[in-house]
Amino acid sequence: MMPRMPLVSVVDDDESVREALPDLIRIFGFEVRAFSSAVEFLQSEWMTKTECLILDVAMPGMSGPELQEELARRKQDIPIVFITAHKGENERLPLIQGSAVACLFKPFSDVALQETLEQVFA
């Protein structure tokens, strides 16, 4: 029997990210689900099965940090890797202090993402 692959969920309102990232993450050896909004993720059956969340910071409706707060409120302890196009260090620090594993700036390299995921599942 094949070992079960950890599930990584991607939540990003940018369709190009939702199309490109899952392919890359599968190459790294993970199962992937992609969601266009925080609410879609929260309402899915995959929320409780997700072992790492790759989460866009700025999205319409519920933002990435708001989703992080909501997951904490629901006692869903999922490692979060934030991704953002905003390169402000003052934005990045609170995210990482708020229990996120990492914050990658778009566009990030395949290597940066792979190393971050390896850190999560080490």
C-alpha atoms as a PDB file:
ATOM      1  CA  MET A   1       0.000   0.000   0.000  1.00  0.00           C
ATOM      2  CA  MET A   2       1.292   3.475  -0.861  1.00  0.00           C
ATOM      3  CA  PRO A   3       1.930   5.768   2.096  1.00  0.00           C
ATOM      4  CA  ARG A   4      -0.713   8.455   2.410  1.00  0.00           C
ATOM      5  CA  MET A   5       0.398  11.839   1.143  1.00  0.00           C
ATOM      6  CA  PRO A   6      -0.142  14.816   3.485  1.00  0.00           C
ATOM      7  CA  LEU A   7      -2.901  17.187   2.351  1.00  0.00           C
ATOM      8  CA  VAL A   8      -1.885  20.764   1.574  1.00  0.00           C
ATOM      9  CA  SER A   9      -4.720  23.218   0.928  1.00  0.00           C
ATOM     10  CA  VAL A  10      -4.229  26.416  -1.061  1.00  0.00           C
ATOM     11  CA  VAL A  11      -6.576  29.356  -0.416  1.00  0.00           C
ATOM     12  CA  ASP A  12      -6.105  32.222  -2.890  1.00  0.00           C
ATOM     13  CA  ASP A  13      -8.568  34.385  -4.806  1.00  0.00           C
ATOM     14  CA  ASP A  14      -6.132  34.559  -7.761  1.00  0.00           C
ATOM     15  CA  GLU A  15      -7.095  31.899 -10.288  1.00  0.00           C
ATOM     16  CA  SER A  16      -3.595  31.717 -11.787  1.00  0.00           C
ATOM     17  CA  VAL A  17      -2.187  30.863  -8.349  1.00  0.00           C
ATOM     18  CA  ARG A  18      -4.895  28.213  -7.792  1.00  0.00           C
ATOM     19  CA  GLU A  19      -3.985  26.641 -11.129  1.00  0.00           C
ATOM     20  CA  ALA A  20      -0.179  26.758 -10.879  1.00  0.00           C
ATOM     21  CA  LEU A  21       0.502  26.043  -7.201  1.00  0.00           C
ATOM     22  CA  PRO A  22      -1.322  22.703  -6.871  1.00  0.00           C
ATOM     23  CA  ASP A  23       0.613  21.241  -9.823  1.00  0.00           C
ATOM     24  CA  LEU A  24       3.885  22.259  -8.199  1.00  0.00           C
ATOM     25  CA  ILE A  25       2.877  20.959  -4.762  1.00  0.00           C
ATOM     26  CA  ARG A  26       1.876  17.594  -6.282  1.00  0.00           C
ATOM     27  CA  ILE A  27       5.351  17.349  -7.838  1.00  0.00           C
ATOM     28  CA  PHE A  28       6.738  17.751  -4.292  1.00  0.00           C
ATOM     29  CA  GLY A  29       4.699  14.690  -3.291  1.00  0.00           C
ATOM     30  CA  PHE A  30       1.663  16.127  -1.543  1.00  0.00           C
ATOM     31  CA  GLU A  31      -2.067  15.841  -2.067  1.00  0.00           C
ATOM     32  CA  VAL A  32      -3.583  19.253  -2.822  1.00  0.00           C
ATOM     33  CA  ARG A  33      -6.936  21.010  -2.709  1.00  0.00           C
ATOM     34  CA  ALA A  34      -7.410  24.615  -3.876  1.00  0.00           C
ATOM     35  CA  PHE A  35     -10.043  27.093  -2.709  1.00  0.00           C
ATOM     36  CA  SER A  36     -10.946  30.530  -4.041  1.00  0.00           C
ATOM     37  CA  SER A  37     -11.954  31.966  -0.663  1.00  0.00           C
ATOM     38  CA  ALA A  38     -11.575  31.493   3.077  1.00  0.00           C
ATOM     39  CA  VAL A  39     -15.298  30.764   3.369  1.00  0.00           C
ATOM     40  CA  GLU A  40     -15.111  28.074   0.686  1.00  0.00           C
ATOM     41  CA  PHE A  41     -12.282  26.419   2.648  1.00  0.00           C
ATOM     42  CA  LEU A  42     -14.134  26.655   5.983  1.00  0.00           C
ATOM     43  CA  GLN A  43     -17.253  25.073   4.475  1.00  0.00           C
ATOM     44  CA  SER A  44     -15.369  22.220   2.805  1.00  0.00           C
ATOM     45  CA  GLU A  45     -14.889  18.686   4.074  1.00  0.00           C
ATOM     46  CA  TRP A  46     -11.130  19.225   3.554  1.00  0.00           C
ATOM     47  CA  MET A  47     -10.663  21.759   6.362  1.00  0.00           C
ATOM     48  CA  THR A  48     -10.315  19.101   9.072  1.00  0.00           C
ATOM     49  CA  LYS A  49      -8.065  16.947   6.843  1.00  0.00           C
ATOM     50  CA  THR A  50      -5.668  19.750   5.862  1.00  0.00           C
ATOM     51  CA  GLU A  51      -2.169  19.312   7.278  1.00  0.00           C
ATOM     52  CA  CYS A  52      -0.731  22.548   5.892  1.00  0.00           C
ATOM     53  CA  LEU A  53      -2.497  25.644   4.609  1.00  0.00           C
ATOM     54  CA  ILE A  54      -0.979  27.913   1.971  1.00  0.00           C
ATOM     55  CA  LEU A  55      -2.941  31.080   2.474  1.00  0.00           C
ATOM     56  CA  ASP A  56      -3.092  34.375   0.597  1.00  0.00           C
ATOM     57  CA  VAL A  57      -3.003  37.368   2.943  1.00  0.00           C
ATOM     58  CA  ALA A  58      -5.237  39.801   1.038  1.00  0.00           C
ATOM     59  CA  MET A  59      -8.502  38.391  -0.307  1.00  0.00           C
ATOM     60  CA  PRO A  60     -11.987  39.831  -0.742  1.00  0.00           C
ATOM     61  CA  GLY A  61     -14.323  38.890   2.079  1.00  0.00           C
ATOM     62  CA  MET A  62     -12.380  37.090   4.797  1.00  0.00           C
ATOM     63  CA  SER A  63      -8.635  37.819   4.652  1.00  0.00           C
ATOM     64  CA  GLY A  64      -5.902  35.280   5.335  1.00  0.00           C
ATOM     65  CA  PRO A  65      -5.213  36.576   8.871  1.00  0.00           C
ATOM     66  CA  GLU A  66      -8.970  36.541   9.588  1.00  0.00           C
ATOM     67  CA  LEU A  67      -9.117  32.910   8.457  1.00  0.00           C
ATOM     68  CA  GLN A  68      -6.142  32.172  10.719  1.00  0.00           C
ATOM     69  CA  GLU A  69      -8.090  33.678  13.658  1.00  0.00           C
ATOM     70  CA  GLU A  70     -11.218  31.725  12.747  1.00  0.00           C
ATOM     71  CA  LEU A  71      -9.282  28.433  12.595  1.00  0.00           C
ATOM     72  CA  ALA A  72      -7.772  29.179  16.019  1.00  0.00           C
ATOM     73  CA  ARG A  73     -11.263  29.893  17.360  1.00  0.00           C
ATOM     74  CA  ARG A  74     -12.411  26.502  16.009  1.00  0.00           C
ATOM     75  CA  LYS A  75      -9.354  24.810  17.560  1.00  0.00           C
ATOM     76  CA  GLN A  76      -8.112  23.776  14.097  1.00  0.00           C
ATOM     77  CA  ASP A  77      -4.367  23.798  14.581  1.00  0.00           C
ATOM     78  CA  ILE A  78      -3.161  23.825  10.966  1.00  0.00           C
ATOM     79  CA  PRO A  79       0.353  25.037  10.076  1.00  0.00           C
ATOM     80  CA  ILE A  80      -0.078  28.114   7.870  1.00  0.00           C
ATOM     81  CA  VAL A  81       2.249  29.418   5.179  1.00  0.00           C
ATOM     82  CA  PHE A  82       1.143  32.900   4.153  1.00  0.00           C
ATOM     83  CA  ILE A  83       1.753  34.113   0.618  1.00  0.00           C
ATOM     84  CA  THR A  84       1.492  37.781  -0.281  1.00  0.00           C
ATOM     85  CA  ALA A  85       2.265  40.219  -3.054  1.00  0.00           C
ATOM     86  CA  HIS A  86       2.785  42.995  -0.479  1.00  0.00           C
ATOM     87  CA  LYS A  87       6.453  43.130   0.396  1.00  0.00           C
ATOM     88  CA  GLY A  88       6.202  45.150   3.608  1.00  0.00           C
ATOM     89  CA  GLU A  89       8.243  43.700   6.462  1.00  0.00           C
ATOM     90  CA  ASN A  90       5.836  45.360   8.908  1.00  0.00           C
ATOM     91  CA  GLU A  91       3.075  43.195   7.425  1.00  0.00           C
ATOM     92  CA  ARG A  92       5.131  40.002   7.502  1.00  0.00           C
ATOM     93  CA  LEU A  93       6.198  40.102  11.150  1.00  0.00           C
ATOM     94  CA  PRO A  94       2.749  40.011  12.769  1.00  0.00           C
ATOM     95  CA  LEU A  95       1.794  37.067  10.525  1.00  0.00           C
ATOM     96  CA  ILE A  96       4.750  34.992  11.641  1.00  0.00           C
ATOM     97  CA  GLN A  97       4.310  36.056  15.263  1.00  0.00           C
ATOM     98  CA  GLY A  98       0.686  34.920  14.917  1.00  0.00           C
ATOM     99  CA  SER A  99       1.830  31.283  14.621  1.00  0.00           C
ATOM    100  CA  ALA A 100       2.298  31.156  10.858  1.00  0.00           C
ATOM    101  CA  VAL A 101       5.172  28.914   9.782  1.00  0.00           C
ATOM    102  CA  ALA A 102       6.381  31.285   7.073  1.00  0.00           C
ATOM    103  CA  CYS A 103       5.432  34.170   4.835  1.00  0.00           C
ATOM    104  CA  LEU A 104       6.521  33.946   1.200  1.00  0.00           C
ATOM    105  CA  PHE A 105       6.445  36.959  -1.096  1.00  0.00           C
ATOM    106  CA  LYS A 106       4.935  36.453  -4.556  1.00  0.00           C
ATOM    107  CA  PRO A 107       6.460  35.533  -6.883  1.00  0.00           C
ATOM    108  CA  PHE A 108       8.374  32.982  -4.806  1.00  0.00           C
ATOM    109  CA  SER A 109      10.619  30.271  -6.191  1.00  0.00           C
ATOM    110  CA  ASP A 110       9.776  26.583  -6.376  1.00  0.00           C
ATOM    111  CA  VAL A 111      12.749  25.962  -4.084  1.00  0.00           C
ATOM    112  CA  ALA A 112      11.497  28.414  -1.447  1.00  0.00           C
ATOM    113  CA  LEU A 113       8.098  26.704  -1.401  1.00  0.00           C
ATOM    114  CA  GLN A 114       9.570  23.207  -1.301  1.00  0.00           C
ATOM    115  CA  GLU A 115      11.912  24.116   1.563  1.00  0.00           C
ATOM    116  CA  THR A 116       9.034  25.677   3.492  1.00  0.00           C
ATOM    117  CA  LEU A 117       6.862  22.571   3.051  1.00  0.00           C
ATOM    118  CA  GLU A 118       9.755  20.333   4.097  1.00  0.00           C
ATOM    119  CA  GLN A 119      10.096  22.493   7.218  1.00  0.00           C
ATOM    120  CA  VAL A 120       6.371  22.032   7.977  1.00  0.00           C
ATOM    121  CA  PHE A 121       6.489  18.256   7.576  1.00  0.00           C
ATOM    122  CA  ALA A 122       9.962  17.660   9.052  1.00  0.00           C
END
